[in-house]
Amino acid sequence: MSTTSETVLTKAEMLFNKILPHVSNVYELKMVSVLGKGAFGTVYKVMDSNTGELYVLKVATAYNPLIMEMALREKKVLDSRNFADTCGINRSFVCTTINKLIMVDDSRYALILMPYIPDSESLQEFINTGFPHCTYSLDPPNTCLVSAHNLAKATIVQNAVHAITIMHNAGIAHRDIKPDNLLVLKNLKIYVIDFGTACINNNPNLACKNILGTLDYMAPEEFTASIGVHPTFKSYDLTFAEQVKADIWSLGISLWQLFIEGNTDKMPYQNMQSMNRERQQALFERVYIEFPPEQAAILAPMLVYDPDHRRMPSEEDIATFMHMSAGEELSSVAISTVGEVGGDATQLLGELVGGFYALFS
């Protein structure tokens, strides 16, 4: 096993050394570690020796034409005004600092450099590793007022809906929303990542052509009647508005996984062989059977079979979920607080959520 690991690392180092001269005129990069490696290429954690700043460097290779096509699409999306206007520390995406194509030894590489986000992980990793089982106590001491476990879910829902809504309002449809492509920060803020399948409204160079995505998360309207082992995709292109509705479905499936905390017995589909039209149509009914009302109100509108009636959960639904996630203790304390000092439950919830965030600071 150690030999294989050393071989992979050596190849990664060789690739890094090949592309390094093409960024050295801007940054003095030093490889810290290899974050990931696969068919798409290699992802590095790097440091600028001049400033000490950490970055993520994605290097896509031309060995796989489809991967390179996705890398080129991602480059165009990241270069677009739509993306530039909506990226940043307080937005939905991480701004890139280098985004270029290079030729090295007759091979083509796509390079993307972006700030490294410490203490972050994908939503899939967050689900796999479990939730923080901690509480936030106010006077009297040791009184549990907020379940951080439940409030974490509610906060992720709120932030994921917010991030993807900003993306859609900017004219970008992702087309591969799934837990792996939602980055969860330490304070539970959400960034949308990996735009290799994205399309942009009214942009002929990034039109919403073809049907793309990860099968388990794709919306019913993206398939013909045949799903399962050999799914058949629609032969025509979806409009931007239709792609937005498909993103909403994908987010619904992702949040379903968040709510069940990776319990495979409660997955929407046990495997792709069991996924079909009837089961997709049944998800809406299953939501009300398998989830408490406050969670069902979040999932149900996103998993409506007819895309014309599919939508994000309302602000009221999310607010209710936030309140319910705070637990019965909060409700009783909030009511007594309103009677005693003339405050309101929303203000109290805000104070408690602030204390909850402090747990992750």
Protein backbone atom coordinates (compact mmCIF):
# COMPACT_ATOMS: atom_id res chain seq x y z
CA MET A 1 0.00 0.00 0.00
CA SER A 2 2.77 2.44 0.85
CA THR A 3 4.37 1.91 -2.56
CA THR A 4 1.14 2.85 -4.34
CA SER A 5 0.73 5.96 -2.19
CA GLU A 6 4.29 7.04 -2.85
CA THR A 7 3.81 6.48 -6.60
CA VAL A 8 0.67 8.60 -6.71
CA LEU A 9 2.35 11.37 -4.73
CA THR A 10 5.39 11.30 -7.02
CA LYS A 11 3.21 11.65 -10.13
CA ALA A 12 1.35 14.49 -8.48
CA GLU A 13 4.61 16.23 -7.66
CA MET A 14 5.84 15.77 -11.21
CA LEU A 15 2.65 17.30 -12.60
CA PHE A 16 2.86 20.19 -10.14
CA ASN A 17 6.45 20.91 -11.16
CA LYS A 18 5.43 20.91 -14.84
CA ILE A 19 2.71 23.53 -14.43
CA LEU A 20 4.47 25.63 -11.77
CA PRO A 21 6.35 27.91 -14.24
CA HIS A 22 3.01 28.96 -15.73
CA VAL A 23 1.87 30.59 -12.47
CA SER A 24 5.21 31.64 -10.98
CA ASN A 25 5.04 35.10 -12.59
CA VAL A 26 2.06 35.87 -10.32
CA TYR A 27 2.47 33.57 -7.29
CA GLU A 28 5.38 31.74 -5.70
CA LEU A 29 3.48 28.54 -5.09
CA LYS A 30 4.65 25.66 -2.95
CA MET A 31 2.76 22.37 -2.78
CA VAL A 32 1.46 21.63 0.71
CA SER A 33 -0.53 18.47 0.01
CA VAL A 34 -2.62 16.63 -2.57
CA LEU A 35 -6.29 17.08 -1.70
CA GLY A 36 -7.65 14.77 -4.36
CA LYS A 37 -6.81 12.88 -7.53
CA GLY A 38 -9.00 11.14 -10.07
CA ALA A 39 -10.17 11.05 -13.68
CA PHE A 40 -10.71 14.83 -13.57
CA GLY A 41 -7.06 15.53 -12.72
CA THR A 42 -5.45 16.62 -9.47
CA VAL A 43 -6.38 19.08 -6.72
CA TYR A 44 -3.58 20.58 -4.60
CA LYS A 45 -3.41 22.57 -1.42
CA VAL A 46 -0.72 25.15 -2.10
CA MET A 47 0.86 28.13 -0.37
CA ASP A 48 2.17 31.39 -1.78
CA SER A 49 5.66 31.60 -0.28
CA ASN A 50 5.62 35.40 -0.55
CA THR A 51 2.48 35.94 1.52
CA GLY A 52 1.84 32.67 3.35
CA GLU A 53 -1.68 32.59 1.88
CA LEU A 54 -3.17 29.15 1.20
CA TYR A 55 -4.93 28.26 -2.06
CA VAL A 56 -6.54 25.34 -3.85
CA LEU A 57 -5.10 24.57 -7.28
CA LYS A 58 -7.20 22.40 -9.62
CA VAL A 59 -5.34 20.92 -12.58
CA ALA A 60 -7.50 19.18 -15.19
CA THR A 61 -5.75 17.11 -17.83
CA ALA A 62 -6.65 16.43 -21.45
CA TYR A 63 -6.42 12.64 -21.12
CA ASN A 64 -10.21 12.35 -20.94
CA PRO A 65 -11.99 14.51 -23.56
CA LEU A 66 -15.17 14.73 -21.49
CA ILE A 67 -13.26 15.90 -18.42
CA MET A 68 -11.44 18.52 -20.45
CA GLU A 69 -14.73 19.67 -21.96
CA MET A 70 -16.12 20.12 -18.45
CA ALA A 71 -12.94 21.95 -17.40
CA LEU A 72 -13.27 24.32 -20.34
CA ARG A 73 -16.92 24.94 -19.49
CA GLU A 74 -16.02 25.64 -15.88
CA LYS A 75 -13.35 28.10 -17.04
CA LYS A 76 -15.91 29.97 -19.15
CA VAL A 77 -18.40 30.07 -16.27
CA LEU A 78 -15.76 31.38 -13.86
CA ASP A 79 -14.72 34.00 -16.43
CA SER A 80 -18.29 35.19 -16.90
CA ARG A 81 -19.67 38.44 -15.55
CA ASN A 82 -22.49 36.40 -13.97
CA PHE A 83 -19.98 34.62 -11.76
CA ALA A 84 -17.78 37.64 -11.07
CA ASP A 85 -20.76 39.63 -9.81
CA THR A 86 -21.81 36.94 -7.34
CA CYS A 87 -18.56 35.50 -5.96
CA GLY A 88 -16.84 36.64 -2.80
CA ILE A 89 -16.59 35.91 0.88
CA ASN A 90 -20.18 36.99 1.58
CA ARG A 91 -21.66 35.46 -1.55
CA SER A 92 -22.41 31.96 -2.85
CA PHE A 93 -19.14 31.13 -4.61
CA VAL A 94 -15.42 31.34 -4.00
CA CYS A 95 -13.76 33.83 -6.38
CA THR A 96 -10.93 32.45 -8.48
CA THR A 97 -7.56 34.19 -8.77
CA ILE A 98 -6.11 32.26 -11.73
CA ASN A 99 -8.19 30.63 -14.45
CA LYS A 100 -6.22 29.67 -17.55
CA LEU A 101 -5.37 27.02 -20.14
CA ILE A 102 -1.74 26.03 -20.70
CA MET A 103 0.20 23.74 -23.01
CA VAL A 104 3.03 21.68 -21.50
CA ASP A 105 4.89 19.07 -23.58
CA ASP A 106 2.08 19.08 -26.16
CA SER A 107 -0.51 18.36 -23.47
CA ARG A 108 -3.27 20.76 -22.52
CA TYR A 109 -4.10 21.57 -18.90
CA ALA A 110 -6.78 23.72 -17.32
CA LEU A 111 -5.66 25.52 -14.15
CA ILE A 112 -7.96 27.03 -11.56
CA LEU A 113 -6.54 28.70 -8.44
CA MET A 114 -8.83 29.83 -5.64
CA PRO A 115 -8.48 30.68 -1.94
CA TYR A 116 -8.30 27.72 0.41
CA ILE A 117 -11.23 27.68 2.84
CA PRO A 118 -10.02 26.30 6.19
CA ASP A 119 -12.21 24.10 8.36
CA SER A 120 -14.56 23.28 5.49
CA GLU A 121 -15.85 20.05 4.01
CA SER A 122 -18.39 18.95 1.47
CA LEU A 123 -21.94 18.39 2.63
CA GLN A 124 -21.38 14.71 1.83
CA GLU A 125 -18.41 14.60 4.21
CA PHE A 126 -20.45 16.48 6.80
CA ILE A 127 -23.20 13.86 6.54
CA ASN A 128 -20.74 10.97 6.64
CA THR A 129 -18.83 12.18 9.70
CA GLY A 130 -21.89 13.04 11.75
CA PHE A 131 -23.20 16.14 13.44
CA PRO A 132 -21.99 18.12 16.46
CA HIS A 133 -23.87 16.78 19.45
CA CYS A 134 -23.55 19.86 21.62
CA THR A 135 -25.91 22.26 23.36
CA TYR A 136 -26.07 25.93 24.17
CA SER A 137 -27.04 26.84 27.71
CA LEU A 138 -28.25 30.10 29.22
CA ASP A 139 -29.20 31.03 32.73
CA PRO A 140 -30.08 28.90 34.63
CA PRO A 141 -26.83 27.00 34.06
CA ASN A 142 -26.91 23.64 32.31
CA THR A 143 -30.38 24.26 30.88
CA CYS A 144 -30.48 22.95 27.31
CA LEU A 145 -32.27 25.51 25.18
CA VAL A 146 -30.98 24.71 21.69
CA SER A 147 -30.16 21.38 20.11
CA ALA A 148 -27.13 22.20 17.97
CA HIS A 149 -27.71 18.92 16.16
CA ASN A 150 -31.10 19.98 14.79
CA LEU A 151 -30.20 23.64 14.43
CA ALA A 152 -27.21 22.66 12.29
CA LYS A 153 -29.57 21.03 9.80
CA ALA A 154 -31.88 24.03 9.76
CA THR A 155 -28.97 26.43 9.27
CA ILE A 156 -27.55 24.37 6.40
CA VAL A 157 -30.99 24.30 4.74
CA GLN A 158 -31.34 28.07 5.05
CA ASN A 159 -27.84 28.73 3.70
CA ALA A 160 -28.06 26.18 0.87
CA VAL A 161 -31.37 27.60 -0.36
CA HIS A 162 -29.92 31.11 -0.12
CA ALA A 163 -26.73 30.22 -2.02
CA ILE A 164 -28.50 28.44 -4.86
CA THR A 165 -31.16 31.13 -5.15
CA ILE A 166 -28.40 33.75 -5.55
CA MET A 167 -26.82 31.55 -8.22
CA HIS A 168 -30.08 31.24 -10.14
CA ASN A 169 -30.80 34.96 -9.84
CA ALA A 170 -27.36 35.56 -11.37
CA GLY A 171 -28.43 33.57 -14.42
CA ILE A 172 -26.44 30.42 -13.61
CA ALA A 173 -27.89 26.90 -13.52
CA HIS A 174 -25.49 24.38 -11.96
CA ARG A 175 -26.97 21.11 -13.32
CA ASP A 176 -25.08 18.89 -10.85
CA ILE A 177 -26.27 19.93 -7.39
CA LYS A 178 -25.43 17.19 -4.89
CA PRO A 179 -23.81 16.98 -1.43
CA ASP A 180 -20.34 16.63 -2.97
CA ASN A 181 -20.75 20.02 -4.67
CA LEU A 182 -21.93 21.97 -1.62
CA LEU A 183 -19.09 23.17 0.60
CA VAL A 184 -19.95 23.58 4.30
CA LEU A 185 -17.87 26.10 6.23
CA LYS A 186 -17.20 25.98 9.95
CA ASN A 187 -20.03 28.44 10.62
CA LEU A 188 -22.29 26.34 8.34
CA LYS A 189 -22.27 28.84 5.50
CA ILE A 190 -22.64 27.13 2.11
CA TYR A 191 -20.57 27.64 -1.03
CA VAL A 192 -21.57 26.08 -4.35
CA ILE A 193 -18.54 24.52 -6.09
CA ASP A 194 -17.59 22.71 -9.33
CA PHE A 195 -19.16 24.45 -12.32
CA GLY A 196 -18.08 22.02 -15.04
CA THR A 197 -21.69 21.29 -15.99
CA ALA A 198 -23.14 24.76 -15.45
CA CYS A 199 -24.96 26.84 -18.05
CA ILE A 200 -25.72 30.55 -18.19
CA ASN A 201 -28.95 32.17 -19.28
CA ASN A 202 -28.82 34.03 -22.61
CA ASN A 203 -25.17 33.10 -23.18
CA PRO A 204 -24.72 31.21 -26.49
CA ASN A 205 -21.25 30.03 -25.46
CA LEU A 206 -22.62 28.49 -22.27
CA ALA A 207 -26.10 27.50 -23.37
CA CYS A 208 -28.14 24.92 -21.48
CA LYS A 209 -27.56 22.21 -24.07
CA ASN A 210 -27.76 18.49 -23.43
CA ILE A 211 -28.84 16.77 -20.22
CA LEU A 212 -26.13 16.64 -17.56
CA GLY A 213 -25.85 15.67 -13.93
CA THR A 214 -25.46 12.79 -11.48
CA LEU A 215 -28.18 10.19 -12.01
CA ASP A 216 -29.40 9.86 -8.42
CA TYR A 217 -30.02 13.62 -8.20
CA MET A 218 -31.47 14.29 -11.66
CA ALA A 219 -35.05 15.48 -12.02
CA PRO A 220 -37.80 13.32 -13.59
CA GLU A 221 -38.21 15.61 -16.60
CA GLU A 222 -34.59 14.93 -17.60
CA PHE A 223 -35.40 11.27 -18.34
CA THR A 224 -37.64 9.45 -20.76
CA ALA A 225 -39.88 6.70 -19.37
CA SER A 226 -36.88 4.38 -19.03
CA ILE A 227 -34.84 4.93 -15.88
CA GLY A 228 -32.84 2.34 -13.97
CA VAL A 229 -29.90 0.32 -15.22
CA HIS A 230 -29.85 2.00 -18.65
CA PRO A 231 -31.46 5.43 -18.23
CA THR A 232 -32.44 7.24 -21.39
CA PHE A 233 -32.13 11.01 -21.29
CA LYS A 234 -34.40 13.45 -23.05
CA SER A 235 -33.21 14.09 -26.58
CA TYR A 236 -33.98 17.81 -26.47
CA ASP A 237 -32.37 20.60 -24.49
CA LEU A 238 -34.03 22.07 -21.42
CA THR A 239 -34.46 25.81 -21.19
CA PHE A 240 -32.67 27.80 -18.50
CA ALA A 241 -35.90 28.02 -16.48
CA GLU A 242 -36.30 24.24 -16.74
CA GLN A 243 -32.69 23.71 -15.64
CA VAL A 244 -33.37 25.88 -12.58
CA LYS A 245 -36.31 23.62 -11.67
CA ALA A 246 -34.04 20.59 -12.11
CA ASP A 247 -31.50 22.18 -9.72
CA ILE A 248 -34.26 22.57 -7.15
CA TRP A 249 -35.11 18.86 -7.41
CA SER A 250 -31.41 17.99 -6.97
CA LEU A 251 -31.21 20.16 -3.86
CA GLY A 252 -34.30 18.42 -2.49
CA ILE A 253 -32.65 15.01 -2.85
CA SER A 254 -29.48 16.40 -1.23
CA LEU A 255 -31.38 17.78 1.77
CA TRP A 256 -33.26 14.48 2.07
CA GLN A 257 -29.84 12.88 2.64
CA LEU A 258 -28.98 15.58 5.18
CA PHE A 259 -32.15 14.90 7.17
CA ILE A 260 -31.65 11.12 7.29
CA GLU A 261 -27.96 11.59 8.18
CA GLY A 262 -26.75 9.02 5.68
CA ASN A 263 -29.14 6.24 6.79
CA THR A 264 -29.13 4.12 3.62
CA ASP A 265 -32.39 2.40 4.60
CA LYS A 266 -34.21 5.72 4.21
CA MET A 267 -32.66 6.86 0.92
CA PRO A 268 -34.99 8.07 -1.85
CA TYR A 269 -33.79 5.12 -3.95
CA GLN A 270 -31.81 2.13 -2.74
CA ASN A 271 -29.88 2.09 -6.02
CA MET A 272 -30.34 3.24 -9.59
CA GLN A 273 -32.02 -0.05 -10.53
CA SER A 274 -34.85 0.81 -8.13
CA MET A 275 -35.26 4.35 -9.47
CA ASN A 276 -38.24 4.75 -11.80
CA ARG A 277 -41.06 7.13 -12.60
CA GLU A 278 -43.40 5.64 -10.03
CA ARG A 279 -40.84 5.95 -7.23
CA GLN A 280 -39.99 9.50 -8.27
CA GLN A 281 -43.67 10.43 -8.20
CA ALA A 282 -44.02 8.77 -4.80
CA LEU A 283 -41.28 10.87 -3.17
CA PHE A 284 -43.71 13.74 -2.55
CA GLU A 285 -46.05 11.43 -0.59
CA ARG A 286 -43.16 9.73 1.22
CA VAL A 287 -41.94 13.09 2.52
CA TYR A 288 -45.09 13.52 4.63
CA ILE A 289 -44.88 9.94 5.92
CA GLU A 290 -41.18 9.67 6.73
CA PHE A 291 -40.29 13.17 7.98
CA PRO A 292 -41.61 15.42 10.76
CA PRO A 293 -43.86 18.25 9.52
CA GLU A 294 -41.22 20.98 9.68
CA GLN A 295 -38.82 18.92 7.52
CA ALA A 296 -41.59 17.78 5.16
CA ALA A 297 -42.46 21.44 4.54
CA ILE A 298 -38.87 21.98 3.36
CA LEU A 299 -38.62 18.94 1.08
CA ALA A 300 -42.13 18.70 -0.38
CA PRO A 301 -42.11 21.79 -2.64
CA MET A 302 -38.71 20.81 -4.05
CA LEU A 303 -39.80 17.25 -4.89
CA VAL A 304 -43.01 18.01 -6.76
CA TYR A 305 -43.03 15.76 -9.82
CA ASP A 306 -44.40 18.46 -12.13
CA PRO A 307 -41.63 21.08 -12.56
CA ASP A 308 -44.20 23.81 -13.23
CA HIS A 309 -45.28 23.52 -9.59
CA ARG A 310 -41.86 22.85 -8.10
CA ARG A 311 -40.23 25.60 -6.00
CA MET A 312 -37.82 26.38 -3.22
CA PRO A 313 -39.24 26.27 0.33
CA SER A 314 -40.67 29.60 1.42
CA GLU A 315 -39.03 31.88 3.95
CA GLU A 316 -41.90 31.05 6.29
CA ASP A 317 -41.22 27.31 5.95
CA ILE A 318 -37.54 27.83 6.71
CA ALA A 319 -38.27 30.15 9.65
CA THR A 320 -40.64 27.55 11.09
CA PHE A 321 -37.98 24.88 10.69
CA MET A 322 -35.46 27.12 12.47
CA HIS A 323 -37.86 27.67 15.37
CA MET A 324 -38.82 24.01 15.63
CA SER A 325 -35.15 22.99 15.54
CA ALA A 326 -34.56 25.10 18.64
CA GLY A 327 -36.70 22.63 20.61
CA GLU A 328 -39.65 22.83 22.95
CA GLU A 329 -37.52 24.40 25.66
CA LEU A 330 -36.94 27.45 23.47
CA SER A 331 -40.66 27.83 22.82
CA SER A 332 -41.48 27.86 26.52
CA VAL A 333 -38.67 30.26 27.35
CA ALA A 334 -39.58 32.53 24.43
CA ILE A 335 -43.21 32.70 25.55
CA SER A 336 -42.26 33.59 29.12
CA THR A 337 -39.76 36.15 27.83
CA VAL A 338 -42.41 37.84 25.71
CA GLY A 339 -44.67 38.11 28.75
CA GLU A 340 -41.98 39.37 31.08
CA VAL A 341 -39.91 41.80 29.06
CA GLY A 342 -41.93 42.49 25.94
CA GLY A 343 -39.39 40.86 23.62
CA ASP A 344 -40.23 38.42 20.87
CA ALA A 345 -39.29 34.84 20.06
CA THR A 346 -37.54 35.81 16.84
CA GLN A 347 -35.12 38.08 18.69
CA LEU A 348 -34.49 35.40 21.28
CA LEU A 349 -33.92 32.83 18.56
CA GLY A 350 -31.40 35.16 16.95
CA GLU A 351 -29.52 35.44 20.23
CA LEU A 352 -29.54 31.69 20.68
CA VAL A 353 -28.41 31.10 17.10
CA GLY A 354 -25.55 33.53 17.77
CA GLY A 355 -24.56 31.39 20.72
CA PHE A 356 -24.86 28.30 18.54
CA TYR A 357 -22.49 29.80 15.96
CA ALA A 358 -20.03 30.54 18.77
CA LEU A 359 -19.71 26.81 19.26
CA PHE A 360 -18.19 26.54 15.80
CA SER A 361 -15.96 29.63 15.98
